[in-house]
């Protein structure tokens, strides 16, 4: 196969990350209408990710955050976004580059994206039989906040098509 000088795969990844950026911008400007809510999965140790150390320790590879009812200070830049979420009734600021994203879903409209590029833009070299691309947070659906639903870490497996 000839070398792909255009790197269409990277262009597609960039375009799909732009979809996430646009969805977050709309949420920041207008809020989340109806039942819309976002599951955003990212590499916790990717360059530019700024989250509390205890979250990195708990989720050393990948973490999923939920933007639904209680989130604050959602700010979207061209290459990253920041948001404040509550973890065990403590508000924590998070900064996540779009390059660190591995998944995005809005289950209210059955929409989801899975990013194939690693956080540094390389083509993945892992096991092709592992559709998750690595480990998921401890305990699928584990609530990381109180029972009031102020935050939840979940696996995106329930939104993926079965093979």
Protein backbone atom coordinates (compact mmCIF):
# COMPACT_ATOMS: atom_id res chain seq x y z
CA UNK A 1 0.00 0.00 0.00
CA UNK A 2 1.33 3.44 -0.89
CA UNK A 3 2.09 5.89 1.87
CA UNK A 4 -0.89 8.08 2.67
CA UNK A 5 0.65 11.53 2.37
CA UNK A 6 -2.66 13.15 3.22
CA UNK A 7 -3.19 11.07 6.41
CA UNK A 8 -6.93 10.93 5.97
CA UNK A 9 -7.18 8.95 9.19
CA UNK A 10 -5.82 11.92 11.13
CA UNK A 11 -8.09 14.33 9.26
CA UNK A 12 -11.12 12.25 10.24
CA UNK A 13 -9.99 12.12 13.87
CA UNK A 14 -9.56 15.91 13.89
CA UNK A 15 -13.01 16.41 12.35
CA UNK A 16 -14.65 14.10 14.88
CA UNK A 17 -12.96 15.89 17.76
CA UNK A 18 -14.45 19.06 16.24
CA UNK A 19 -17.91 17.52 16.63
CA UNK A 20 -17.22 17.08 20.35
CA UNK A 21 -15.89 20.65 20.56
CA UNK A 22 -19.03 22.01 18.89
CA UNK A 23 -21.36 19.97 21.12
CA UNK A 24 -19.54 21.24 24.22
CA UNK A 25 -19.69 24.83 22.94
CA UNK A 26 -23.45 24.55 22.48
CA UNK A 27 -23.80 23.09 25.98
CA UNK A 28 -21.68 25.92 27.41
CA UNK A 29 -23.73 28.58 25.61
CA UNK A 30 -27.25 27.16 25.94
CA UNK A 31 -27.13 24.37 28.49
CA UNK A 32 -28.16 20.79 27.81
CA UNK A 33 -31.75 20.66 26.52
CA UNK A 34 -34.15 17.84 27.33
CA UNK A 35 -32.47 14.57 28.19
CA UNK A 36 -29.15 15.37 26.52
CA UNK A 37 -26.10 14.42 28.56
CA UNK A 38 -22.53 13.63 27.63
CA UNK A 39 -20.22 10.78 28.57
CA UNK A 40 -16.65 11.88 27.86
CA UNK A 41 -13.84 9.35 28.15
CA UNK A 42 -10.21 10.45 28.17
CA UNK A 43 -6.70 9.29 28.96
CA UNK A 44 -5.91 10.51 32.46
CA UNK A 45 -2.15 10.68 31.88
CA UNK A 46 -2.24 12.30 28.44
CA UNK A 47 -0.22 15.49 27.96
CA UNK A 48 -2.18 18.55 29.05
CA UNK A 49 -4.72 16.70 31.21
CA UNK A 50 -5.10 18.42 34.56
CA UNK A 51 -7.19 16.53 37.08
CA UNK A 52 -6.74 15.94 40.82
CA UNK A 53 -4.03 13.41 41.64
CA UNK A 54 -6.43 11.15 43.55
CA UNK A 55 -8.43 10.70 40.32
CA UNK A 56 -5.28 9.78 38.39
CA UNK A 57 -4.47 7.24 41.10
CA UNK A 58 -7.98 5.79 40.97
CA UNK A 59 -8.13 5.83 37.14
CA UNK A 60 -4.50 5.48 36.03
CA UNK A 61 -5.31 4.94 32.34
CA UNK A 62 -8.75 6.16 31.36
CA UNK A 63 -11.68 7.93 32.99
CA UNK A 64 -15.22 8.80 31.95
CA UNK A 65 -16.96 11.92 33.17
CA UNK A 66 -20.63 12.75 32.78
CA UNK A 67 -21.94 16.20 31.97
CA UNK A 68 -25.61 16.25 32.84
CA UNK A 69 -27.12 18.09 35.79
CA UNK A 70 -24.32 19.47 37.90
CA UNK A 71 -21.31 20.91 36.15
CA UNK A 72 -19.88 24.39 36.32
CA UNK A 73 -17.53 26.72 34.47
CA UNK A 74 -17.59 24.80 31.18
CA UNK A 75 -15.10 26.60 28.95
CA UNK A 76 -14.14 25.46 25.49
CA UNK A 77 -10.93 26.45 23.73
CA UNK A 78 -9.74 25.28 20.34
CA UNK A 79 -7.54 22.49 21.72
CA UNK A 80 -9.04 21.73 25.14
CA UNK A 81 -11.97 22.23 27.48
CA UNK A 82 -12.25 22.79 31.18
CA UNK A 83 -15.14 22.06 33.52
CA UNK A 84 -15.73 21.86 37.25
CA UNK A 85 -17.40 18.69 38.53
CA UNK A 86 -18.31 17.47 41.99
CA UNK A 87 -16.54 14.41 43.39
CA UNK A 88 -17.76 13.37 46.84
CA UNK A 89 -19.31 16.83 47.31
CA UNK A 90 -16.03 18.59 46.49
CA UNK A 91 -15.91 20.70 43.35
CA UNK A 92 -12.82 19.97 41.29
CA UNK A 93 -11.65 21.75 38.12
CA UNK A 94 -10.65 19.51 35.20
CA UNK A 95 -8.81 20.48 32.02
CA UNK A 96 -8.89 17.98 29.16
CA UNK A 97 -7.27 18.41 25.74
CA UNK A 98 -9.39 17.12 22.86
CA UNK A 99 -6.39 14.99 21.84
CA UNK A 100 -6.79 13.04 25.11
CA UNK A 101 -10.35 11.93 24.27
CA UNK A 102 -11.00 8.28 23.56
CA UNK A 103 -14.79 8.39 23.53
CA UNK A 104 -17.83 10.64 23.50
CA UNK A 105 -21.50 9.72 23.77
CA UNK A 106 -24.87 11.40 24.08
CA UNK A 107 -27.09 8.42 24.92
CA UNK A 108 -30.27 10.52 24.78
CA UNK A 109 -29.99 10.45 20.98
CA UNK A 110 -27.96 7.23 20.71
CA UNK A 111 -24.91 9.10 19.40
CA UNK A 112 -21.37 8.02 20.13
CA UNK A 113 -17.83 8.41 18.90
CA UNK A 114 -14.82 6.26 19.62
CA UNK A 115 -11.43 7.74 18.82
CA UNK A 116 -8.83 5.40 17.36
CA UNK A 117 -5.84 7.69 17.77
CA UNK A 118 -3.88 7.71 20.99
CA UNK A 119 -3.57 10.88 23.02
CA UNK A 120 -0.35 11.84 21.20
CA UNK A 121 -1.90 11.29 17.75
CA UNK A 122 -0.19 7.98 16.93
CA UNK A 123 -2.05 5.12 15.33
CA UNK A 124 -2.87 2.58 18.03
CA UNK A 125 -0.69 -0.51 18.11
CA UNK A 126 -2.58 -2.45 20.77
CA UNK A 127 -4.60 -5.63 20.41
CA UNK A 128 -7.12 -5.18 17.60
CA UNK A 129 -9.43 -7.66 19.32
CA UNK A 130 -9.90 -5.25 22.25
CA UNK A 131 -12.54 -2.75 21.09
CA UNK A 132 -12.23 -0.83 24.34
CA UNK A 133 -8.61 0.03 23.65
CA UNK A 134 -7.60 -0.63 27.22
CA UNK A 135 -8.90 -0.74 30.72
CA UNK A 136 -12.09 0.88 31.89
CA UNK A 137 -12.63 2.61 35.22
CA UNK A 138 -12.96 0.34 38.23
CA UNK A 139 -16.53 -0.87 38.57
CA UNK A 140 -18.81 -0.18 35.63
CA UNK A 141 -21.38 2.43 36.56
CA UNK A 142 -19.66 3.22 39.83
CA UNK A 143 -20.92 6.44 41.31
CA UNK A 144 -18.07 8.70 42.32
CA UNK A 145 -20.36 11.12 44.10
CA UNK A 146 -23.22 10.94 46.50
CA UNK A 147 -26.51 9.25 45.71
CA UNK A 148 -27.93 12.55 44.40
CA UNK A 149 -26.44 11.84 40.96
CA UNK A 150 -23.92 14.67 40.99
CA UNK A 151 -21.45 12.63 39.00
CA UNK A 152 -20.93 9.16 37.66
CA UNK A 153 -18.12 7.24 36.02
CA UNK A 154 -19.41 4.64 33.58
CA UNK A 155 -18.17 2.36 30.87
CA UNK A 156 -19.14 3.21 27.30
CA UNK A 157 -19.54 -0.50 26.50
CA UNK A 158 -23.31 -0.25 26.80
CA UNK A 159 -23.39 2.20 23.88
CA UNK A 160 -21.11 0.28 21.55
CA UNK A 161 -22.48 -1.96 18.84
CA UNK A 162 -21.98 -5.64 19.57
CA UNK A 163 -19.93 -7.64 17.07
